[in-house]
Amino acid sequence: MAVPKGKVSKARRDKRRSSHWKLETPGVVTCPKCGKYRMPHRACKACGTYNGRDVLGA
């Protein structure tokens, strides 16, 4: 059976685990109508447009 040869320190263990659970930054694009930042494939919260149409009635 596979048995650890020695104790792995907390620093070494945490260093190994740290790189796998980082959140990626979300992709952000600018609205073509008002220029505010928004998430892609979503309506703009500032002006209420999506794909060139007014969808939120703002």
N, C-alpha and C. Protein backbone atom coordinates (compact mmCIF):
# COMPACT_ATOMS: atom_id res chain seq x y z
N MET A 1 0.83 -1.19 0.00
CA MET A 1 0.00 0.00 0.00
C MET A 1 0.87 1.25 0.00
N ALA A 2 0.33 2.33 -0.55
CA ALA A 2 1.07 3.58 -0.59
C ALA A 2 0.93 4.28 0.75
N VAL A 3 2.06 4.45 1.41
CA VAL A 3 2.08 5.11 2.71
C VAL A 3 3.05 6.27 2.65
N PRO A 4 2.69 7.45 3.17
CA PRO A 4 3.61 8.58 3.15
C PRO A 4 4.89 8.27 3.92
N LYS A 5 6.03 8.66 3.37
CA LYS A 5 7.32 8.41 4.00
C LYS A 5 7.52 9.31 5.22
N GLY A 6 7.01 10.53 5.12
CA GLY A 6 7.15 11.46 6.25
C GLY A 6 6.02 12.47 6.22
N LYS A 7 5.91 13.25 7.30
CA LYS A 7 4.84 14.24 7.41
C LYS A 7 5.07 15.38 6.42
N VAL A 8 4.02 15.77 5.76
CA VAL A 8 4.08 16.92 4.88
C VAL A 8 3.67 18.14 5.69
N SER A 9 4.52 19.15 5.68
CA SER A 9 4.26 20.34 6.49
C SER A 9 3.04 21.09 5.96
N LYS A 10 2.46 21.93 6.79
CA LYS A 10 1.28 22.70 6.39
C LYS A 10 1.61 23.66 5.25
N ALA A 11 2.80 24.23 5.29
CA ALA A 11 3.20 25.17 4.23
C ALA A 11 3.33 24.45 2.89
N ARG A 12 3.94 23.29 2.91
CA ARG A 12 4.11 22.52 1.67
C ARG A 12 2.76 22.04 1.14
N ARG A 13 1.90 21.56 2.03
CA ARG A 13 0.58 21.10 1.65
C ARG A 13 -0.24 22.25 1.05
N ASP A 14 -0.23 23.40 1.72
CA ASP A 14 -1.02 24.54 1.26
C ASP A 14 -0.49 25.12 -0.05
N LYS A 15 0.83 25.07 -0.24
CA LYS A 15 1.41 25.53 -1.50
C LYS A 15 0.91 24.68 -2.66
N ARG A 16 0.81 23.40 -2.45
CA ARG A 16 0.35 22.49 -3.49
C ARG A 16 -1.13 22.73 -3.81
N ARG A 17 -1.92 22.99 -2.80
CA ARG A 17 -3.36 23.17 -3.00
C ARG A 17 -3.74 24.54 -3.53
N SER A 18 -2.90 25.51 -3.36
CA SER A 18 -3.28 26.90 -3.62
C SER A 18 -3.57 27.19 -5.09
N SER A 19 -2.90 26.51 -6.00
CA SER A 19 -3.03 26.88 -7.41
C SER A 19 -4.29 26.34 -8.07
N HIS A 20 -5.00 25.41 -7.45
CA HIS A 20 -6.13 24.78 -8.10
C HIS A 20 -7.46 25.48 -7.83
N TRP A 21 -7.56 26.24 -6.78
CA TRP A 21 -8.86 26.75 -6.35
C TRP A 21 -9.02 28.26 -6.54
N LYS A 22 -8.17 28.85 -7.35
CA LYS A 22 -8.27 30.29 -7.56
C LYS A 22 -9.41 30.60 -8.53
N LEU A 23 -10.13 31.65 -8.24
CA LEU A 23 -11.21 32.08 -9.13
C LEU A 23 -10.61 32.83 -10.31
N GLU A 24 -11.17 32.62 -11.47
CA GLU A 24 -10.73 33.35 -12.64
C GLU A 24 -11.50 34.67 -12.72
N THR A 25 -10.87 35.66 -13.29
CA THR A 25 -11.55 36.94 -13.44
C THR A 25 -12.61 36.80 -14.52
N PRO A 26 -13.79 37.35 -14.29
CA PRO A 26 -14.84 37.23 -15.30
C PRO A 26 -14.52 38.06 -16.53
N GLY A 27 -14.95 37.58 -17.68
CA GLY A 27 -14.77 38.35 -18.90
C GLY A 27 -15.70 39.54 -18.88
N VAL A 28 -15.15 40.73 -19.10
CA VAL A 28 -15.95 41.95 -19.05
C VAL A 28 -15.78 42.66 -20.39
N VAL A 29 -16.89 43.11 -20.95
CA VAL A 29 -16.87 43.84 -22.21
C VAL A 29 -17.55 45.19 -21.99
N THR A 30 -17.37 46.10 -22.93
CA THR A 30 -18.01 47.41 -22.83
C THR A 30 -19.29 47.39 -23.67
N CYS A 31 -20.28 48.10 -23.19
CA CYS A 31 -21.55 48.22 -23.90
C CYS A 31 -21.33 49.10 -25.14
N PRO A 32 -21.77 48.66 -26.31
CA PRO A 32 -21.56 49.48 -27.51
C PRO A 32 -22.38 50.77 -27.51
N LYS A 33 -23.46 50.81 -26.73
CA LYS A 33 -24.30 52.01 -26.73
C LYS A 33 -23.83 53.06 -25.73
N CYS A 34 -23.63 52.64 -24.46
CA CYS A 34 -23.28 53.63 -23.44
C CYS A 34 -21.82 53.56 -23.00
N GLY A 35 -21.12 52.46 -23.31
CA GLY A 35 -19.70 52.37 -22.97
C GLY A 35 -19.40 51.87 -21.58
N LYS A 36 -20.43 51.52 -20.81
CA LYS A 36 -20.21 50.98 -19.46
C LYS A 36 -19.77 49.53 -19.55
N TYR A 37 -19.10 49.05 -18.50
CA TYR A 37 -18.68 47.65 -18.47
C TYR A 37 -19.88 46.75 -18.13
N ARG A 38 -19.94 45.59 -18.78
CA ARG A 38 -21.00 44.64 -18.53
C ARG A 38 -20.46 43.24 -18.81
N MET A 39 -21.19 42.22 -18.31
CA MET A 39 -20.82 40.84 -18.57
C MET A 39 -21.26 40.48 -19.99
N PRO A 40 -20.51 39.63 -20.69
CA PRO A 40 -20.92 39.28 -22.05
C PRO A 40 -22.20 38.44 -22.05
N HIS A 41 -22.98 38.56 -23.09
CA HIS A 41 -24.24 37.84 -23.29
C HIS A 41 -25.28 38.20 -22.23
N ARG A 42 -25.22 39.41 -21.73
CA ARG A 42 -26.20 39.89 -20.75
C ARG A 42 -26.59 41.32 -21.10
N ALA A 43 -27.78 41.70 -20.69
CA ALA A 43 -28.25 43.06 -20.95
C ALA A 43 -27.45 44.04 -20.10
N CYS A 44 -27.25 45.22 -20.63
CA CYS A 44 -26.52 46.27 -19.92
C CYS A 44 -27.42 46.83 -18.82
N LYS A 45 -26.90 46.90 -17.60
CA LYS A 45 -27.70 47.42 -16.48
C LYS A 45 -27.86 48.93 -16.56
N ALA A 46 -26.93 49.61 -17.22
CA ALA A 46 -26.98 51.07 -17.27
C ALA A 46 -28.03 51.57 -18.28
N CYS A 47 -27.99 51.03 -19.51
CA CYS A 47 -28.91 51.54 -20.54
C CYS A 47 -30.01 50.55 -20.91
N GLY A 48 -29.90 49.28 -20.50
CA GLY A 48 -30.96 48.31 -20.72
C GLY A 48 -31.02 47.73 -22.12
N THR A 49 -29.92 47.78 -22.85
CA THR A 49 -29.93 47.23 -24.20
C THR A 49 -29.20 45.89 -24.25
N TYR A 50 -29.61 45.07 -25.21
CA TYR A 50 -28.93 43.82 -25.48
C TYR A 50 -29.06 43.53 -26.96
N ASN A 51 -27.95 43.30 -27.62
CA ASN A 51 -27.93 42.98 -29.04
C ASN A 51 -28.60 44.08 -29.87
N GLY A 52 -28.39 45.32 -29.47
CA GLY A 52 -28.92 46.46 -30.22
C GLY A 52 -30.36 46.78 -29.98
N ARG A 53 -31.01 46.07 -29.03
CA ARG A 53 -32.42 46.32 -28.75
C ARG A 53 -32.60 46.73 -27.30
N ASP A 54 -33.65 47.50 -27.03
CA ASP A 54 -33.98 47.90 -25.66
C ASP A 54 -34.80 46.79 -25.02
N VAL A 55 -34.21 46.10 -24.05
CA VAL A 55 -34.90 44.94 -23.48
C VAL A 55 -35.36 45.17 -22.03
N LEU A 56 -34.73 46.11 -21.33
CA LEU A 56 -35.12 46.34 -19.94
C LEU A 56 -36.07 47.52 -19.79
N GLY A 57 -36.33 48.24 -20.87
CA GLY A 57 -37.27 49.35 -20.81
C GLY A 57 -36.74 50.54 -20.02
N ALA A 58 -35.43 50.67 -19.99
CA ALA A 58 -34.84 51.78 -19.22
C ALA A 58 -34.85 53.06 -19.99
